[in-house]
C-alpha atoms as a PDB file:
ATOM      1  CA  VAL A   1      84.942  56.708  -5.836  1.00  0.00           C
ATOM      2  CA  PRO A   2      86.407  58.221  -2.620  1.00  0.00           C
ATOM      3  CA  ALA A   3      89.007  55.426  -2.462  1.00  0.00           C
ATOM      4  CA  PHE A   4      89.974  56.112  -6.107  1.00  0.00           C
ATOM      5  CA  ALA A   5      90.340  59.844  -5.415  1.00  0.00           C
ATOM      6  CA  LEU A   6      92.523  59.133  -2.378  1.00  0.00           C
ATOM      7  CA  ALA A   7      94.715  56.698  -4.324  1.00  0.00           C
ATOM      8  CA  TYR A   8      95.027  59.166  -7.217  1.00  0.00           C
ATOM      9  CA  SER A   9      95.975  62.082  -4.968  1.00  0.00           C
ATOM     10  CA  LEU A  10      98.573  59.995  -3.136  1.00  0.00           C
ATOM     11  CA  SER A  11     100.136  58.913  -6.440  1.00  0.00           C
ATOM     12  CA  GLN A  12     100.654  62.510  -7.580  1.00  0.00           C
ATOM     13  CA  GLU A  13     104.081  63.979  -6.950  1.00  0.00           C
ATOM     14  CA  GLU A  14     104.189  67.127  -4.871  1.00  0.00           C
ATOM     15  CA  GLU A  15     104.891  70.335  -6.834  1.00  0.00           C
ATOM     16  CA  TYR A  16     107.468  72.728  -5.411  1.00  0.00           C
ATOM     17  CA  ARG A  17     107.952  76.396  -6.195  1.00  0.00           C
ATOM     18  CA  ALA A  18     111.114  78.374  -5.581  1.00  0.00           C
ATOM     19  CA  THR A  19     111.475  82.082  -6.298  1.00  0.00           C
ATOM     20  CA  ALA A  20     114.663  84.110  -6.663  1.00  0.00           C
ATOM     21  CA  THR A  21     114.508  87.903  -6.800  1.00  0.00           C
ATOM     22  CA  VAL A  22     116.726  90.160  -8.880  1.00  0.00           C
ATOM     23  CA  LEU A  23     117.090  93.886  -8.161  1.00  0.00           C
ATOM     24  CA  LEU A  24     117.611  96.216 -11.104  1.00  0.00           C
ATOM     25  CA  ARG A  25     119.341  99.398 -10.007  1.00  0.00           C
ATOM     26  CA  ASP A  26     119.243 102.800 -11.639  1.00  0.00           C
ATOM     27  CA  THR A  27     122.429 103.864 -13.342  1.00  0.00           C
ATOM     28  CA  PRO A  28     124.629 105.616 -10.744  1.00  0.00           C
ATOM     29  CA  GLY A  29     124.513 109.387 -11.071  1.00  0.00           C
ATOM     30  CA  SER A  30     121.386 109.287 -13.166  1.00  0.00           C
ATOM     31  CA  ASN A  31     118.767 111.716 -11.913  1.00  0.00           C
ATOM     32  CA  ILE A  32     116.562 111.344 -14.957  1.00  0.00           C
ATOM     33  CA  LYS A  33     112.920 110.726 -14.114  1.00  0.00           C
ATOM     34  CA  LEU A  34     111.243 108.533 -16.687  1.00  0.00           C
ATOM     35  CA  ALA A  35     107.735 109.132 -17.957  1.00  0.00           C
ATOM     36  CA  PRO A  36     105.199 106.384 -17.134  1.00  0.00           C
ATOM     37  CA  GLU A  37     105.336 104.985 -20.676  1.00  0.00           C
ATOM     38  CA  ASP A  38     109.151 104.857 -20.438  1.00  0.00           C
ATOM     39  CA  LEU A  39     108.908 102.990 -17.138  1.00  0.00           C
ATOM     40  CA  GLU A  40     106.567 100.470 -18.738  1.00  0.00           C
ATOM     41  CA  ARG A  41     108.898 100.063 -21.725  1.00  0.00           C
ATOM     42  CA  GLU A  42     111.919  99.629 -19.443  1.00  0.00           C
ATOM     43  CA  ALA A  43     110.073  97.029 -17.343  1.00  0.00           C
ATOM     44  CA  ALA A  44     109.021  95.184 -20.514  1.00  0.00           C
ATOM     45  CA  THR A  45     112.608  95.271 -21.822  1.00  0.00           C
ATOM     46  CA  ASN A  46     113.985  93.900 -18.566  1.00  0.00           C
ATOM     47  CA  LEU A  47     111.328  91.201 -18.525  1.00  0.00           C
ATOM     48  CA  GLY A  48     112.126  90.317 -22.123  1.00  0.00           C
ATOM     49  CA  LEU A  49     115.843  90.121 -21.350  1.00  0.00           C
ATOM     50  CA  ALA A  50     115.172  87.936 -18.324  1.00  0.00           C
ATOM     51  CA  SER A  51     113.017  85.625 -20.458  1.00  0.00           C
ATOM     52  CA  LEU A  52     115.554  85.024 -23.215  1.00  0.00           C
ATOM     53  CA  GLY A  53     115.953  81.403 -24.299  1.00  0.00           C
ATOM     54  CA  ARG A  54     119.714  81.708 -24.166  1.00  0.00           C
ATOM     55  CA  LEU A  55     119.494  82.202 -20.410  1.00  0.00           C
ATOM     56  CA  ALA A  56     117.881  78.765 -20.191  1.00  0.00           C
ATOM     57  CA  ASP A  57     120.744  77.398 -22.314  1.00  0.00           C
ATOM     58  CA  ARG A  58     123.356  79.030 -20.091  1.00  0.00           C
ATOM     59  CA  THR A  59     121.584  77.845 -16.934  1.00  0.00           C
ATOM     60  CA  ALA A  60     121.538  74.260 -18.206  1.00  0.00           C
ATOM     61  CA  LYS A  61     125.304  74.393 -18.845  1.00  0.00           C
ATOM     62  CA  ARG A  62     126.138  75.518 -15.299  1.00  0.00           C
ATOM     63  CA  PRO A  63     127.780  73.082 -12.914  1.00  0.00           C
ATOM     64  CA  GLY A  64     125.303  71.361 -10.660  1.00  0.00           C
ATOM     65  CA  PRO A  65     122.459  68.964 -11.204  1.00  0.00           C
ATOM     66  CA  PRO A  66     122.256  67.966 -14.878  1.00  0.00           C
ATOM     67  CA  VAL A  67     119.296  69.595 -16.607  1.00  0.00           C
ATOM     68  CA  THR A  68     118.441  70.404 -20.193  1.00  0.00           C
ATOM     69  CA  SER A  69     117.612  73.802 -21.629  1.00  0.00           C
ATOM     70  CA  LEU A  70     114.075  72.544 -22.206  1.00  0.00           C
ATOM     71  CA  THR A  71     113.729  71.545 -18.544  1.00  0.00           C
ATOM     72  CA  VAL A  72     114.924  74.995 -17.441  1.00  0.00           C
ATOM     73  CA  ALA A  73     112.724  76.869 -19.915  1.00  0.00           C
ATOM     74  CA  SER A  74     109.619  74.861 -19.038  1.00  0.00           C
ATOM     75  CA  SER A  75     110.098  75.223 -15.277  1.00  0.00           C
ATOM     76  CA  ILE A  76     110.891  78.966 -15.179  1.00  0.00           C
ATOM     77  CA  SER A  77     108.513  81.900 -15.160  1.00  0.00           C
ATOM     78  CA  VAL A  78     109.692  85.501 -14.949  1.00  0.00           C
ATOM     79  CA  GLN A  79     107.628  88.454 -13.733  1.00  0.00           C
ATOM     80  CA  SER A  80     108.145  92.166 -13.133  1.00  0.00           C
ATOM     81  CA  GLU A  81     106.065  95.266 -12.586  1.00  0.00           C
ATOM     82  CA  SER A  82     106.602  98.739 -13.975  1.00  0.00           C
ATOM     83  CA  SER A  83     106.257 100.154 -10.453  1.00  0.00           C
ATOM     84  CA  SER A  84     109.119  98.009  -9.131  1.00  0.00           C
ATOM     85  CA  ASN A  85     112.790  97.416  -9.898  1.00  0.00           C
ATOM     86  CA  LEU A  86     112.423  93.763  -8.989  1.00  0.00           C
ATOM     87  CA  ILE A  87     112.200  90.741 -11.240  1.00  0.00           C
ATOM     88  CA  THR A  88     110.996  87.481  -9.742  1.00  0.00           C
ATOM     89  CA  ILE A  89     112.237  84.233 -11.210  1.00  0.00           C
ATOM     90  CA  THR A  90     110.103  81.272 -10.196  1.00  0.00           C
ATOM     91  CA  SER A  91     110.917  77.648 -10.868  1.00  0.00           C
ATOM     92  CA  GLU A  92     108.396  74.841 -10.467  1.00  0.00           C
ATOM     93  CA  GLY A  93     109.164  71.150 -10.246  1.00  0.00           C
ATOM     94  CA  THR A  94     108.828  67.921  -8.305  1.00  0.00           C
ATOM     95  CA  ASN A  95     112.339  67.941  -6.805  1.00  0.00           C
ATOM     96  CA  PRO A  96     112.687  70.716  -4.175  1.00  0.00           C
ATOM     97  CA  ARG A  97     116.487  70.997  -4.370  1.00  0.00           C
ATOM     98  CA  LEU A  98     116.525  71.031  -8.159  1.00  0.00           C
ATOM     99  CA  THR A  99     113.693  73.575  -8.252  1.00  0.00           C
ATOM    100  CA  SER A 100     115.675  75.956  -6.011  1.00  0.00           C
ATOM    101  CA  ALA A 101     118.917  75.299  -7.895  1.00  0.00           C
ATOM    102  CA  ILE A 102     117.296  76.153 -11.233  1.00  0.00           C
ATOM    103  CA  ALA A 103     115.763  79.415  -9.953  1.00  0.00           C
ATOM    104  CA  ASN A 104     119.062  80.520  -8.382  1.00  0.00           C
ATOM    105  CA  ALA A 105     121.190  79.520 -11.374  1.00  0.00           C
ATOM    106  CA  TYR A 106     118.809  81.300 -13.758  1.00  0.00           C
ATOM    107  CA  GLY A 107     118.971  84.456 -11.620  1.00  0.00           C
ATOM    108  CA  GLN A 108     122.769  84.297 -11.558  1.00  0.00           C
ATOM    109  CA  GLU A 109     122.862  83.872 -15.332  1.00  0.00           C
ATOM    110  CA  PHE A 110     120.619  86.911 -15.781  1.00  0.00           C
ATOM    111  CA  VAL A 111     122.970  88.959 -13.571  1.00  0.00           C
ATOM    112  CA  ALA A 112     126.014  87.706 -15.545  1.00  0.00           C
ATOM    113  CA  PHE A 113     124.246  88.457 -18.850  1.00  0.00           C
ATOM    114  CA  ARG A 114     123.474  92.045 -17.803  1.00  0.00           C
ATOM    115  CA  ARG A 115     127.040  92.594 -16.571  1.00  0.00           C
ATOM    116  CA  ALA A 116     128.540  91.284 -19.805  1.00  0.00           C
ATOM    117  CA  SER A 117     126.175  93.508 -21.781  1.00  0.00           C
ATOM    118  CA  ASP A 118     127.283  96.506 -19.699  1.00  0.00           C
ATOM    119  CA  VAL A 119     130.953  95.737 -20.351  1.00  0.00           C
ATOM    120  CA  ARG A 120     130.334  95.434 -24.118  1.00  0.00           C
ATOM    121  CA  THR A 121     128.505  98.775 -24.148  1.00  0.00           C
ATOM    122  CA  VAL A 122     131.309 100.517 -22.249  1.00  0.00           C
ATOM    123  CA  ARG A 123     133.995  98.974 -24.463  1.00  0.00           C
ATOM    124  CA  ALA A 124     132.197 100.131 -27.605  1.00  0.00           C
ATOM    125  CA  ALA A 125     131.909 103.684 -26.231  1.00  0.00           C
ATOM    126  CA  LEU A 126     135.582 103.580 -25.223  1.00  0.00           C
ATOM    127  CA  GLY A 127     136.567 102.509 -28.723  1.00  0.00           C
ATOM    128  CA  ARG A 128     134.587 105.381 -30.245  1.00  0.00           C
ATOM    129  CA  ALA A 129     136.126 107.949 -27.864  1.00  0.00           C
ATOM    130  CA  GLN A 130     139.635 106.628 -28.515  1.00  0.00           C
ATOM    131  CA  ARG A 131     139.152 106.694 -32.309  1.00  0.00           C
ATOM    132  CA  ARG A 132     137.853 110.262 -32.128  1.00  0.00           C
ATOM    133  CA  ALA A 133     140.811 111.315 -29.940  1.00  0.00           C
ATOM    134  CA  ASN A 134     143.220 109.685 -32.419  1.00  0.00           C
ATOM    135  CA  GLY A 135     141.539 111.522 -35.304  1.00  0.00           C
ATOM    136  CA  VAL A 136     141.857 114.844 -33.502  1.00  0.00           C
ATOM    137  CA  GLN A 137     145.539 114.070 -32.779  1.00  0.00           C
ATOM    138  CA  ARG A 138     146.102 113.431 -36.505  1.00  0.00           C
ATOM    139  CA  GLN A 139     144.492 116.795 -37.287  1.00  0.00           C
ATOM    140  CA  LEU A 140     146.818 118.453 -34.768  1.00  0.00           C
ATOM    141  CA  SER A 141     149.838 116.783 -36.336  1.00  0.00           C
ATOM    142  CA  GLN A 142     148.805 117.914 -39.821  1.00  0.00           C
ATOM    143  CA  LEU A 143     148.216 121.427 -38.572  1.00  0.00           C
ATOM    144  CA  GLY A 144     151.648 121.446 -36.939  1.00  0.00           C
ATOM    145  CA  ASP A 145     153.270 120.570 -40.267  1.00  0.00           C
ATOM    146  CA  SER A 146     151.861 123.640 -41.997  1.00  0.00           C
ATOM    147  CA  GLN A 147     152.873 126.878 -40.327  1.00  0.00           C
ATOM    148  CA  ALA A 148     151.608 130.232 -41.546  1.00  0.00           C
ATOM    149  CA  GLU A 149     153.764 133.319 -41.188  1.00  0.00           C
ATOM    150  CA  PRO A 150     153.784 134.706 -37.630  1.00  0.00           C
ATOM    151  CA  GLY A 151     151.600 137.778 -37.158  1.00  0.00           C
ATOM    152  CA  THR A 152     149.244 136.937 -40.030  1.00  0.00           C
ATOM    153  CA  THR A 153     145.535 136.251 -39.817  1.00  0.00           C
ATOM    154  CA  ALA A 154     146.194 132.731 -41.109  1.00  0.00           C
ATOM    155  CA  ARG A 155     148.606 132.074 -38.224  1.00  0.00           C
ATOM    156  CA  ALA A 156     146.081 133.382 -35.666  1.00  0.00           C
ATOM    157  CA  GLU A 157     143.436 131.082 -37.135  1.00  0.00           C
ATOM    158  CA  GLN A 158     145.847 128.115 -36.966  1.00  0.00           C
ATOM    159  CA  ASP A 159     146.669 128.888 -33.327  1.00  0.00           C
ATOM    160  CA  THR A 160     142.953 129.105 -32.476  1.00  0.00           C
ATOM    161  CA  GLU A 161     142.275 125.834 -34.296  1.00  0.00           C
ATOM    162  CA  ARG A 162     145.178 124.153 -32.447  1.00  0.00           C
ATOM    163  CA  ARG A 163     143.821 125.296 -29.071  1.00  0.00           C
ATOM    164  CA  GLU A 164     140.329 124.029 -29.923  1.00  0.00           C
ATOM    165  CA  LEU A 165     141.665 120.695 -31.175  1.00  0.00           C
ATOM    166  CA  ARG A 166     143.796 120.253 -28.026  1.00  0.00           C
ATOM    167  CA  LEU A 167     140.765 120.963 -25.837  1.00  0.00           C
ATOM    168  CA  THR A 168     138.704 118.471 -27.829  1.00  0.00           C
ATOM    169  CA  ARG A 169     141.466 115.839 -27.674  1.00  0.00           C
ATOM    170  CA  ASP A 170     141.946 116.320 -23.923  1.00  0.00           C
ATOM    171  CA  SER A 171     138.200 116.080 -23.358  1.00  0.00           C
ATOM    172  CA  LEU A 172     138.042 112.850 -25.379  1.00  0.00           C
ATOM    173  CA  LEU A 173     140.997 111.394 -23.468  1.00  0.00           C
ATOM    174  CA  ARG A 174     139.268 112.213 -20.151  1.00  0.00           C
ATOM    175  CA  GLU A 175     136.093 110.572 -21.465  1.00  0.00           C
ATOM    176  CA  ALA A 176     138.111 107.496 -22.465  1.00  0.00           C
ATOM    177  CA  GLN A 177     139.643 107.302 -18.976  1.00  0.00           C
ATOM    178  CA  GLN A 178     136.206 107.587 -17.372  1.00  0.00           C
ATOM    179  CA  LEU A 179     134.968 104.798 -19.643  1.00  0.00           C
ATOM    180  CA  ARG A 180     137.930 102.595 -18.668  1.00  0.00           C
ATOM    181  CA  THR A 181     136.985 103.112 -15.027  1.00  0.00           C
ATOM    182  CA  ALA A 182     133.313 102.436 -15.771  1.00  0.00           C
ATOM    183  CA  GLY A 183     134.286  99.248 -17.601  1.00  0.00           C
ATOM    184  CA  ALA A 184     136.271  98.062 -14.603  1.00  0.00           C
ATOM    185  CA  LEU A 185     133.273  98.715 -12.345  1.00  0.00           C
ATOM    186  CA  ALA A 186     130.582  97.463 -14.730  1.00  0.00           C
ATOM    187  CA  SER A 187     127.982  95.533 -12.791  1.00  0.00           C
ATOM    188  CA  GLY A 188     124.966  95.721 -15.072  1.00  0.00           C
ATOM    189  CA  ASN A 189     123.308  97.581 -12.173  1.00  0.00           C
ATOM    190  CA  VAL A 190     121.705  94.305 -11.190  1.00  0.00           C
ATOM    191  CA  GLU A 191     122.103  91.817  -8.357  1.00  0.00           C
ATOM    192  CA  LEU A 192     120.505  88.646  -7.109  1.00  0.00           C
ATOM    193  CA  THR A 193     119.002  89.956  -3.858  1.00  0.00           C
ATOM    194  CA  GLN A 194     117.090  86.898  -2.700  1.00  0.00           C
ATOM    195  CA  ARG A 195     118.103  83.340  -3.375  1.00  0.00           C
ATOM    196  CA  ALA A 196     115.382  80.786  -3.887  1.00  0.00           C
ATOM    197  CA  SER A 197     114.655  78.039  -1.397  1.00  0.00           C
ATOM    198  CA  THR A 198     111.796  75.596  -1.056  1.00  0.00           C
END
């Protein structure tokens, strides 16, 4: 029996583990303190995002050692804690280089996914601000076409409405410019802080 156990253990391939760490940052300028239940929900959301099957698909399509989505999905485990802004991505396998490559590629895909999501969110907000500014500009143009007699109450009301619409339009245009800048800087507030190695 001891000889069988020795032969069996020698025939088993060694398992390797490689862990990459992703840092989730707070949104710049945000001083909002979340309640404990919000922290737990945010951690669960981030964990859910990091565990999406499409990340395994995207990881498998990356240049490098050929792997399937199933191989990636079955080798990866993702963990986070509500008390931390870190997500750990662990890959397990029998090939040390491939194990590290999968963990790192998966982490990079998560970062890219979050960044792309950020850009989409900013673009949607920019589109809304621009449409609202255009609508206010149309109202201003229509108001300019109809002029009440100078010195009348109607004219004073039109002038007040014009001033308010111009302020609203200018505010929306500033918001749109800020969103353009935010879109250019969009990072998803996430980065791969520790690459995996075995």
